Amino acid sequence: VVINGATKEIGRAAVLAVTKARGVEVAGAVDSHFVGEDIGKVCGMEEALEIPIINDITMVLGSISQSKATGVVIDFTDPSTVYDNVKQATAFGMKSVVYVPRIKLDTVTALSAFCEKASMGCLIAPTLSIGSILLQQSAIQASFHYNNIEIVESRPNAAELPSTDATQIANNLSNLGQIYNREDHSTKVLARGQLLGEDGIRVHSMVMPGLPASTKVYFSGPGEVYSLEHNITDVQCLMPGLILAIRKVVRLKNLVYGLEKFL
């Protein structure tokens, strides 16, 4: 496994998770920070992994491609670099797992066509949290039984609002052919939250330091309220999903969007 974006918080967590997982190992670390330092030491491991951080992914992939082992590149970088990163990994015969929020739809479409032509596997995961995926699946099931839906989320900072999770839930529910919130006439009142999706599902975002990353979906019907909630307290919650993604992508010969396809 090559980790691109290895010194980010999630990259460091991934190094530790892959090191502990059975049947996989860290083979390369790419980042523009701490170049030349051992990735194991940067991640706080007692013993060095003897893998230096390199800021040239082509050099890393070229070195690893000499091995007969199956290679997977984990991409934690940036939406603007994802396409080129996947192309480079494919050129060296390696599969890709991409966890980069806010990837544009045209990038996904272009990568899908590229992977299909190259018969090379790629998994783009809007989330690696299994809990988040289960929340989304439960919300889809509940949406057929309730007419009113609103999403309330909290985040410790305002890096991206509405969050990827809230946006995906709203879009998923809007694609089911249901019509929600028919009695909501306050469409222009800013305090009522942002409308997402064609069916006008509202998202309310709280931002306060110290708050957990939380997503709640409220449903209401005559005489009852049903709610779903998922809280993230640590980046470690993404690691089981990441290991699952690594194990699954090696069997792919095309692009798959969403880790939920493998649950």
C-alpha atoms as a PDB file:
ATOM      1  CA  VAL A   1       0.000   0.000   0.000  1.00  0.00           C
ATOM      2  CA  VAL A   2       1.242   3.458  -0.968  1.00  0.00           C
ATOM      3  CA  ILE A   3      -0.265   6.311   1.049  1.00  0.00           C
ATOM      4  CA  ASN A   4      -0.422   9.632  -0.795  1.00  0.00           C
ATOM      5  CA  GLY A   5      -0.964  12.374   1.775  1.00  0.00           C
ATOM      6  CA  ALA A   6       0.783  10.314   4.425  1.00  0.00           C
ATOM      7  CA  THR A   7       1.529  13.086   6.952  1.00  0.00           C
ATOM      8  CA  LYS A   8      -2.063  14.339   7.209  1.00  0.00           C
ATOM      9  CA  GLU A   9      -3.960  13.222  10.303  1.00  0.00           C
ATOM     10  CA  ILE A  10      -5.848  10.610   8.312  1.00  0.00           C
ATOM     11  CA  GLY A  11      -2.658   9.596   6.494  1.00  0.00           C
ATOM     12  CA  ARG A  12      -0.832   8.931   9.752  1.00  0.00           C
ATOM     13  CA  ALA A  13      -3.806   6.941  11.052  1.00  0.00           C
ATOM     14  CA  ALA A  14      -3.789   4.949   7.809  1.00  0.00           C
ATOM     15  CA  VAL A  15      -0.106   4.101   8.191  1.00  0.00           C
ATOM     16  CA  LEU A  16      -0.762   2.669  11.651  1.00  0.00           C
ATOM     17  CA  ALA A  17      -3.900   0.804  10.515  1.00  0.00           C
ATOM     18  CA  VAL A  18      -2.232  -0.774   7.479  1.00  0.00           C
ATOM     19  CA  THR A  19       0.788  -1.750   9.558  1.00  0.00           C
ATOM     20  CA  LYS A  20      -1.464  -3.613  12.003  1.00  0.00           C
ATOM     21  CA  ALA A  21      -3.727  -5.221   9.381  1.00  0.00           C
ATOM     22  CA  ARG A  22      -3.136  -8.797   8.250  1.00  0.00           C
ATOM     23  CA  GLY A  23      -1.889  -9.393   4.725  1.00  0.00           C
ATOM     24  CA  VAL A  24      -1.146  -5.763   3.835  1.00  0.00           C
ATOM     25  CA  GLU A  25       1.842  -3.519   4.437  1.00  0.00           C
ATOM     26  CA  VAL A  26       2.939   0.051   3.881  1.00  0.00           C
ATOM     27  CA  ALA A  27       5.250   0.164   0.874  1.00  0.00           C
ATOM     28  CA  GLY A  28       5.501   3.907   0.278  1.00  0.00           C
ATOM     29  CA  ALA A  29       4.646   7.296   1.756  1.00  0.00           C
ATOM     30  CA  VAL A  30       4.115  10.405  -0.387  1.00  0.00           C
ATOM     31  CA  ASP A  31       3.777  13.956   0.916  1.00  0.00           C
ATOM     32  CA  SER A  32       5.318  17.398   0.603  1.00  0.00           C
ATOM     33  CA  HIS A  33       5.901  17.652   4.357  1.00  0.00           C
ATOM     34  CA  PHE A  34       8.634  15.931   6.401  1.00  0.00           C
ATOM     35  CA  VAL A  35      10.318  14.844   3.177  1.00  0.00           C
ATOM     36  CA  GLY A  36      13.136  12.374   3.847  1.00  0.00           C
ATOM     37  CA  GLU A  37      11.964  11.462   7.330  1.00  0.00           C
ATOM     38  CA  ASP A  38      10.841   7.950   8.185  1.00  0.00           C
ATOM     39  CA  ILE A  39       7.047   7.661   8.030  1.00  0.00           C
ATOM     40  CA  GLY A  40       7.008   5.331  11.030  1.00  0.00           C
ATOM     41  CA  LYS A  41       8.767   7.887  13.203  1.00  0.00           C
ATOM     42  CA  VAL A  42       6.502  10.697  11.941  1.00  0.00           C
ATOM     43  CA  CYS A  43       3.506   8.567  12.967  1.00  0.00           C
ATOM     44  CA  GLY A  44       4.927   8.073  16.465  1.00  0.00           C
ATOM     45  CA  MET A  45       5.829   4.416  16.085  1.00  0.00           C
ATOM     46  CA  GLU A  46       8.532   3.075  18.400  1.00  0.00           C
ATOM     47  CA  GLU A  47      10.458   1.525  15.541  1.00  0.00           C
ATOM     48  CA  ALA A  48      11.131   3.056  12.145  1.00  0.00           C
ATOM     49  CA  LEU A  49       9.462   1.472   9.124  1.00  0.00           C
ATOM     50  CA  GLU A  50      12.514   2.322   7.028  1.00  0.00           C
ATOM     51  CA  ILE A  51      10.216   4.033   4.535  1.00  0.00           C
ATOM     52  CA  PRO A  52      11.217   7.639   3.822  1.00  0.00           C
ATOM     53  CA  ILE A  53       8.594  10.215   2.923  1.00  0.00           C
ATOM     54  CA  ILE A  54       9.016  11.220  -0.728  1.00  0.00           C
ATOM     55  CA  ASN A  55       7.297  14.093  -2.511  1.00  0.00           C
ATOM     56  CA  ASP A  56       7.468  12.452  -5.950  1.00  0.00           C
ATOM     57  CA  ILE A  57       4.754   9.823  -6.421  1.00  0.00           C
ATOM     58  CA  THR A  58       6.215   8.694  -9.758  1.00  0.00           C
ATOM     59  CA  MET A  59       9.469   7.759  -8.053  1.00  0.00           C
ATOM     60  CA  VAL A  60       7.638   5.790  -5.368  1.00  0.00           C
ATOM     61  CA  LEU A  61       5.411   3.936  -7.827  1.00  0.00           C
ATOM     62  CA  GLY A  62       8.333   3.159 -10.115  1.00  0.00           C
ATOM     63  CA  SER A  63      10.261   1.594  -7.265  1.00  0.00           C
ATOM     64  CA  ILE A  64       7.343  -0.483  -5.989  1.00  0.00           C
ATOM     65  CA  SER A  65       6.260  -1.670  -9.433  1.00  0.00           C
ATOM     66  CA  GLN A  66       9.423  -3.776  -9.616  1.00  0.00           C
ATOM     67  CA  SER A  67       7.892  -6.020  -6.967  1.00  0.00           C
ATOM     68  CA  LYS A  68       5.451  -8.802  -7.870  1.00  0.00           C
ATOM     69  CA  ALA A  69       3.141  -7.852  -4.978  1.00  0.00           C
ATOM     70  CA  THR A  70      -0.280  -6.365  -5.663  1.00  0.00           C
ATOM     71  CA  GLY A  71      -0.154  -2.603  -5.241  1.00  0.00           C
ATOM     72  CA  VAL A  72      -2.809  -0.165  -4.012  1.00  0.00           C
ATOM     73  CA  VAL A  73      -2.470   3.611  -3.789  1.00  0.00           C
ATOM     74  CA  ILE A  74      -4.497   5.412  -1.126  1.00  0.00           C
ATOM     75  CA  ASP A  75      -5.207   9.003  -2.184  1.00  0.00           C
ATOM     76  CA  PHE A  76      -5.839  11.571   0.568  1.00  0.00           C
ATOM     77  CA  THR A  77      -4.725  14.565  -1.494  1.00  0.00           C
ATOM     78  CA  ASP A  78      -6.855  17.159  -3.281  1.00  0.00           C
ATOM     79  CA  PRO A  79      -9.688  17.157  -5.846  1.00  0.00           C
ATOM     80  CA  SER A  80      -7.461  18.908  -8.393  1.00  0.00           C
ATOM     81  CA  THR A  81      -4.820  16.140  -8.347  1.00  0.00           C
ATOM     82  CA  VAL A  82      -6.974  13.005  -8.106  1.00  0.00           C
ATOM     83  CA  TYR A  83      -7.298  12.382 -11.840  1.00  0.00           C
ATOM     84  CA  ASP A  84      -3.550  12.551 -12.495  1.00  0.00           C
ATOM     85  CA  ASN A  85      -2.807  10.455  -9.401  1.00  0.00           C
ATOM     86  CA  VAL A  86      -5.104   7.639 -10.509  1.00  0.00           C
ATOM     87  CA  LYS A  87      -3.656   7.758 -14.031  1.00  0.00           C
ATOM     88  CA  GLN A  88      -0.138   7.424 -12.645  1.00  0.00           C
ATOM     89  CA  ALA A  89      -1.107   4.524 -10.393  1.00  0.00           C
ATOM     90  CA  THR A  90      -2.756   2.784 -13.353  1.00  0.00           C
ATOM     91  CA  ALA A  91       0.327   3.309 -15.500  1.00  0.00           C
ATOM     92  CA  PHE A  92       2.304   1.319 -12.940  1.00  0.00           C
ATOM     93  CA  GLY A  93      -0.363  -1.396 -12.670  1.00  0.00           C
ATOM     94  CA  MET A  94      -1.683  -0.320  -9.280  1.00  0.00           C
ATOM     95  CA  LYS A  95      -5.269   0.049  -8.061  1.00  0.00           C
ATOM     96  CA  SER A  96      -6.484   3.222  -6.298  1.00  0.00           C
ATOM     97  CA  VAL A  97      -8.645   4.022  -3.282  1.00  0.00           C
ATOM     98  CA  VAL A  98      -9.630   7.699  -3.279  1.00  0.00           C
ATOM     99  CA  TYR A  99     -10.906   9.459  -0.167  1.00  0.00           C
ATOM    100  CA  VAL A 100     -10.905  13.116  -1.157  1.00  0.00           C
ATOM    101  CA  PRO A 101     -14.007  15.167  -0.247  1.00  0.00           C
ATOM    102  CA  ARG A 102     -15.657  17.422  -2.827  1.00  0.00           C
ATOM    103  CA  ILE A 103     -14.523  15.592  -5.971  1.00  0.00           C
ATOM    104  CA  LYS A 104     -16.407  17.032  -8.925  1.00  0.00           C
ATOM    105  CA  LEU A 105     -18.819  14.833 -10.827  1.00  0.00           C
ATOM    106  CA  ASP A 106     -17.008  15.384 -14.135  1.00  0.00           C
ATOM    107  CA  THR A 107     -13.783  14.096 -12.540  1.00  0.00           C
ATOM    108  CA  VAL A 108     -15.569  10.937 -11.415  1.00  0.00           C
ATOM    109  CA  THR A 109     -17.075  10.501 -14.895  1.00  0.00           C
ATOM    110  CA  ALA A 110     -13.701  10.959 -16.597  1.00  0.00           C
ATOM    111  CA  LEU A 111     -11.999   8.527 -14.220  1.00  0.00           C
ATOM    112  CA  SER A 112     -14.752   5.972 -14.726  1.00  0.00           C
ATOM    113  CA  ALA A 113     -14.207   6.031 -18.483  1.00  0.00           C
ATOM    114  CA  PHE A 114     -10.441   5.859 -18.035  1.00  0.00           C
ATOM    115  CA  CYS A 115     -10.565   2.896 -15.636  1.00  0.00           C
ATOM    116  CA  GLU A 116     -13.033   1.059 -17.870  1.00  0.00           C
ATOM    117  CA  LYS A 117     -10.706   1.425 -20.836  1.00  0.00           C
ATOM    118  CA  ALA A 118      -7.663   0.398 -18.823  1.00  0.00           C
ATOM    119  CA  SER A 119      -9.509  -2.451 -17.018  1.00  0.00           C
ATOM    120  CA  MET A 120      -8.084  -1.138 -13.774  1.00  0.00           C
ATOM    121  CA  GLY A 121      -9.871  -0.976 -10.435  1.00  0.00           C
ATOM    122  CA  CYS A 122     -10.525   2.254  -8.537  1.00  0.00           C
ATOM    123  CA  LEU A 123     -12.756   2.924  -5.540  1.00  0.00           C
ATOM    124  CA  ILE A 124     -13.877   6.496  -4.873  1.00  0.00           C
ATOM    125  CA  ALA A 125     -15.281   6.697  -1.363  1.00  0.00           C
ATOM    126  CA  PRO A 126     -17.223   9.813  -0.322  1.00  0.00           C
ATOM    127  CA  THR A 127     -16.934   8.382   3.187  1.00  0.00           C
ATOM    128  CA  LEU A 128     -14.911   5.598   4.745  1.00  0.00           C
ATOM    129  CA  SER A 129     -17.039   5.567   7.895  1.00  0.00           C
ATOM    130  CA  ILE A 130     -19.126   2.408   8.068  1.00  0.00           C
ATOM    131  CA  GLY A 131     -21.393   4.121  10.610  1.00  0.00           C
ATOM    132  CA  SER A 132     -22.041   6.961   8.181  1.00  0.00           C
ATOM    133  CA  ILE A 133     -22.942   4.485   5.437  1.00  0.00           C
ATOM    134  CA  LEU A 134     -25.320   2.626   7.756  1.00  0.00           C
ATOM    135  CA  LEU A 135     -26.966   5.942   8.666  1.00  0.00           C
ATOM    136  CA  GLN A 136     -27.486   6.727   4.987  1.00  0.00           C
ATOM    137  CA  GLN A 137     -28.952   3.288   4.286  1.00  0.00           C
ATOM    138  CA  SER A 138     -31.289   3.554   7.273  1.00  0.00           C
ATOM    139  CA  ALA A 139     -32.379   7.026   6.150  1.00  0.00           C
ATOM    140  CA  ILE A 140     -33.315   5.664   2.716  1.00  0.00           C
ATOM    141  CA  GLN A 141     -35.435   2.935   4.314  1.00  0.00           C
ATOM    142  CA  ALA A 142     -37.174   5.391   6.652  1.00  0.00           C
ATOM    143  CA  SER A 143     -37.866   7.941   3.928  1.00  0.00           C
ATOM    144  CA  PHE A 144     -40.578   5.745   2.391  1.00  0.00           C
ATOM    145  CA  HIS A 145     -42.600   5.929   5.599  1.00  0.00           C
ATOM    146  CA  TYR A 146     -42.399   9.634   6.532  1.00  0.00           C
ATOM    147  CA  ASN A 147     -43.379  12.845   4.758  1.00  0.00           C
ATOM    148  CA  ASN A 148     -41.150  15.281   6.658  1.00  0.00           C
ATOM    149  CA  ILE A 149     -37.353  15.144   6.752  1.00  0.00           C
ATOM    150  CA  GLU A 150     -34.690  17.549   8.029  1.00  0.00           C
ATOM    151  CA  ILE A 151     -30.962  17.117   8.656  1.00  0.00           C
ATOM    152  CA  VAL A 152     -29.100  18.696  11.568  1.00  0.00           C
ATOM    153  CA  GLU A 153     -25.324  18.458  11.707  1.00  0.00           C
ATOM    154  CA  SER A 154     -22.575  19.763  13.959  1.00  0.00           C
ATOM    155  CA  ARG A 155     -18.905  20.232  13.193  1.00  0.00           C
ATOM    156  CA  PRO A 156     -16.003  21.615  15.259  1.00  0.00           C
ATOM    157  CA  ASN A 157     -14.957  23.856  12.350  1.00  0.00           C
ATOM    158  CA  ALA A 158     -16.464  25.265   9.172  1.00  0.00           C
ATOM    159  CA  ALA A 159     -14.101  23.765   6.614  1.00  0.00           C
ATOM    160  CA  GLU A 160     -16.984  22.589   4.425  1.00  0.00           C
ATOM    161  CA  LEU A 161     -20.676  23.205   4.943  1.00  0.00           C
ATOM    162  CA  PRO A 162     -23.023  21.531   4.414  1.00  0.00           C
ATOM    163  CA  SER A 163     -20.812  18.516   5.023  1.00  0.00           C
ATOM    164  CA  THR A 164     -20.253  15.781   2.461  1.00  0.00           C
ATOM    165  CA  ASP A 165     -22.341  13.423   4.606  1.00  0.00           C
ATOM    166  CA  ALA A 166     -25.338  15.774   4.802  1.00  0.00           C
ATOM    167  CA  THR A 167     -25.155  16.548   1.104  1.00  0.00           C
ATOM    168  CA  GLN A 168     -25.025  12.875   0.146  1.00  0.00           C
ATOM    169  CA  ILE A 169     -27.966  11.977   2.402  1.00  0.00           C
ATOM    170  CA  ALA A 170     -30.076  14.791   0.927  1.00  0.00           C
ATOM    171  CA  ASN A 171     -29.168  13.812  -2.637  1.00  0.00           C
ATOM    172  CA  ASN A 172     -29.829  10.122  -2.012  1.00  0.00           C
ATOM    173  CA  LEU A 173     -33.272  10.825  -0.582  1.00  0.00           C
ATOM    174  CA  SER A 174     -34.080  13.257  -3.389  1.00  0.00           C
ATOM    175  CA  ASN A 175     -33.431  10.556  -5.985  1.00  0.00           C
ATOM    176  CA  LEU A 176     -36.099   8.198  -4.640  1.00  0.00           C
ATOM    177  CA  GLY A 177     -39.072   9.894  -6.279  1.00  0.00           C
ATOM    178  CA  GLN A 178     -40.608  10.905  -2.954  1.00  0.00           C
ATOM    179  CA  ILE A 179     -41.947  14.371  -2.140  1.00  0.00           C
ATOM    180  CA  TYR A 180     -41.134  15.657   1.338  1.00  0.00           C
ATOM    181  CA  ASN A 181     -42.073  18.595   3.538  1.00  0.00           C
ATOM    182  CA  ARG A 182     -45.174  19.578   1.581  1.00  0.00           C
ATOM    183  CA  GLU A 183     -46.421  21.770   4.432  1.00  0.00           C
ATOM    184  CA  ASP A 184     -43.200  23.817   4.612  1.00  0.00           C
ATOM    185  CA  HIS A 185     -43.992  27.247   3.198  1.00  0.00           C
ATOM    186  CA  SER A 186     -41.010  29.145   4.689  1.00  0.00           C
ATOM    187  CA  THR A 187     -38.730  28.528   1.718  1.00  0.00           C
ATOM    188  CA  LYS A 188     -37.090  31.968   1.812  1.00  0.00           C
ATOM    189  CA  VAL A 189     -36.475  32.215   5.569  1.00  0.00           C
ATOM    190  CA  LEU A 190     -32.716  31.884   6.080  1.00  0.00           C
ATOM    191  CA  ALA A 191     -33.110  30.595   9.631  1.00  0.00           C
ATOM    192  CA  ARG A 192     -34.839  27.505   8.227  1.00  0.00           C
ATOM    193  CA  GLY A 193     -31.554  26.156   6.865  1.00  0.00           C
ATOM    194  CA  GLN A 194     -30.202  25.452   3.412  1.00  0.00           C
ATOM    195  CA  LEU A 195     -32.259  23.530   0.873  1.00  0.00           C
ATOM    196  CA  LEU A 196     -30.507  20.579  -0.739  1.00  0.00           C
ATOM    197  CA  GLY A 197     -31.734  18.226  -3.404  1.00  0.00           C
ATOM    198  CA  GLU A 198     -34.654  18.589  -5.749  1.00  0.00           C
ATOM    199  CA  ASP A 199     -37.182  17.836  -3.009  1.00  0.00           C
ATOM    200  CA  GLY A 200     -36.024  20.607  -0.705  1.00  0.00           C
ATOM    201  CA  ILE A 201     -34.542  18.701   2.226  1.00  0.00           C
ATOM    202  CA  ARG A 202     -33.271  21.228   4.748  1.00  0.00           C
ATOM    203  CA  VAL A 203     -29.850  21.065   6.367  1.00  0.00           C
ATOM    204  CA  HIS A 204     -29.007  22.971   9.539  1.00  0.00           C
ATOM    205  CA  SER A 205     -25.298  23.217  10.374  1.00  0.00           C
ATOM    206  CA  MET A 206     -23.881  24.083  13.803  1.00  0.00           C
ATOM    207  CA  VAL A 207     -20.206  25.021  14.044  1.00  0.00           C
ATOM    208  CA  MET A 208     -18.571  25.272  17.484  1.00  0.00           C
ATOM    209  CA  PRO A 209     -15.116  24.223  18.721  1.00  0.00           C
ATOM    210  CA  GLY A 210     -15.399  21.110  20.839  1.00  0.00           C
ATOM    211  CA  LEU A 211     -18.477  19.707  19.119  1.00  0.00           C
ATOM    212  CA  PRO A 212     -18.175  16.200  17.692  1.00  0.00           C
ATOM    213  CA  ALA A 213     -18.732  15.685  13.990  1.00  0.00           C
ATOM    214  CA  SER A 214     -22.375  14.683  14.212  1.00  0.00           C
ATOM    215  CA  THR A 215     -25.095  14.038  11.640  1.00  0.00           C
ATOM    216  CA  LYS A 216     -28.756  13.646  12.620  1.00  0.00           C
ATOM    217  CA  VAL A 217     -31.671  12.933  10.328  1.00  0.00           C
ATOM    218  CA  TYR A 218     -35.147  13.692  11.666  1.00  0.00           C
ATOM    219  CA  PHE A 219     -38.309  12.160  10.231  1.00  0.00           C
ATOM    220  CA  SER A 220     -41.819  13.019  11.365  1.00  0.00           C
ATOM    221  CA  GLY A 221     -45.268  11.669  10.706  1.00  0.00           C
ATOM    222  CA  PRO A 222     -48.651  11.923  12.402  1.00  0.00           C
ATOM    223  CA  GLY A 223     -48.007  11.656  16.137  1.00  0.00           C
ATOM    224  CA  GLU A 224     -44.356  10.606  16.036  1.00  0.00           C
ATOM    225  CA  VAL A 225     -40.765  11.665  15.367  1.00  0.00           C
ATOM    226  CA  TYR A 226     -38.093   9.190  14.269  1.00  0.00           C
ATOM    227  CA  SER A 227     -34.422  10.218  14.333  1.00  0.00           C
ATOM    228  CA  LEU A 228     -31.113   8.711  13.233  1.00  0.00           C
ATOM    229  CA  GLU A 229     -27.785   9.932  14.588  1.00  0.00           C
ATOM    230  CA  HIS A 230     -24.131   9.254  13.859  1.00  0.00           C
ATOM    231  CA  ASN A 231     -21.206  10.822  15.759  1.00  0.00           C
ATOM    232  CA  ILE A 232     -17.534  10.797  14.821  1.00  0.00           C
ATOM    233  CA  THR A 233     -15.124  11.451  17.671  1.00  0.00           C
ATOM    234  CA  ASP A 234     -11.852  10.311  16.109  1.00  0.00           C
ATOM    235  CA  VAL A 235     -10.355   9.668  12.680  1.00  0.00           C
ATOM    236  CA  GLN A 236      -9.882   6.055  13.770  1.00  0.00           C
ATOM    237  CA  CYS A 237     -13.507   5.411  12.801  1.00  0.00           C
ATOM    238  CA  LEU A 238     -12.440   5.562   9.140  1.00  0.00           C
ATOM    239  CA  MET A 239      -9.818   2.832   9.397  1.00  0.00           C
ATOM    240  CA  PRO A 240     -12.052  -0.304   9.253  1.00  0.00           C
ATOM    241  CA  GLY A 241     -13.625   1.113   6.096  1.00  0.00           C
ATOM    242  CA  LEU A 242     -10.203   1.881   4.654  1.00  0.00           C
ATOM    243  CA  ILE A 243      -8.917  -1.654   5.221  1.00  0.00           C
ATOM    244  CA  LEU A 244     -12.118  -3.037   3.677  1.00  0.00           C
ATOM    245  CA  ALA A 245     -11.618  -0.745   0.665  1.00  0.00           C
ATOM    246  CA  ILE A 246      -8.037  -1.968   0.197  1.00  0.00           C
ATOM    247  CA  ARG A 247      -9.112  -5.604   0.288  1.00  0.00           C
ATOM    248  CA  LYS A 248     -11.972  -5.060  -2.173  1.00  0.00           C
ATOM    249  CA  VAL A 249     -10.334  -2.774  -4.742  1.00  0.00           C
ATOM    250  CA  VAL A 250      -7.717  -5.366  -5.707  1.00  0.00           C
ATOM    251  CA  ARG A 251     -10.489  -7.447  -7.333  1.00  0.00           C
ATOM    252  CA  LEU A 252     -11.951  -4.580  -9.356  1.00  0.00           C
ATOM    253  CA  LYS A 253     -11.412  -3.914 -13.045  1.00  0.00           C
ATOM    254  CA  ASN A 254     -13.413  -0.701 -13.188  1.00  0.00           C
ATOM    255  CA  LEU A 255     -14.354   2.300 -11.059  1.00  0.00           C
ATOM    256  CA  VAL A 256     -16.800   1.897  -8.181  1.00  0.00           C
ATOM    257  CA  TYR A 257     -18.261   4.934  -6.416  1.00  0.00           C
ATOM    258  CA  GLY A 258     -19.118   4.388  -2.758  1.00  0.00           C
ATOM    259  CA  LEU A 259     -17.855   1.958  -0.148  1.00  0.00           C
ATOM    260  CA  GLU A 260     -21.468   0.926   0.518  1.00  0.00           C
ATOM    261  CA  LYS A 261     -21.295  -1.269  -2.597  1.00  0.00           C
ATOM    262  CA  PHE A 262     -19.207  -3.709  -0.543  1.00  0.00           C
ATOM    263  CA  LEU A 263     -21.192  -3.767   2.707  1.00  0.00           C
END
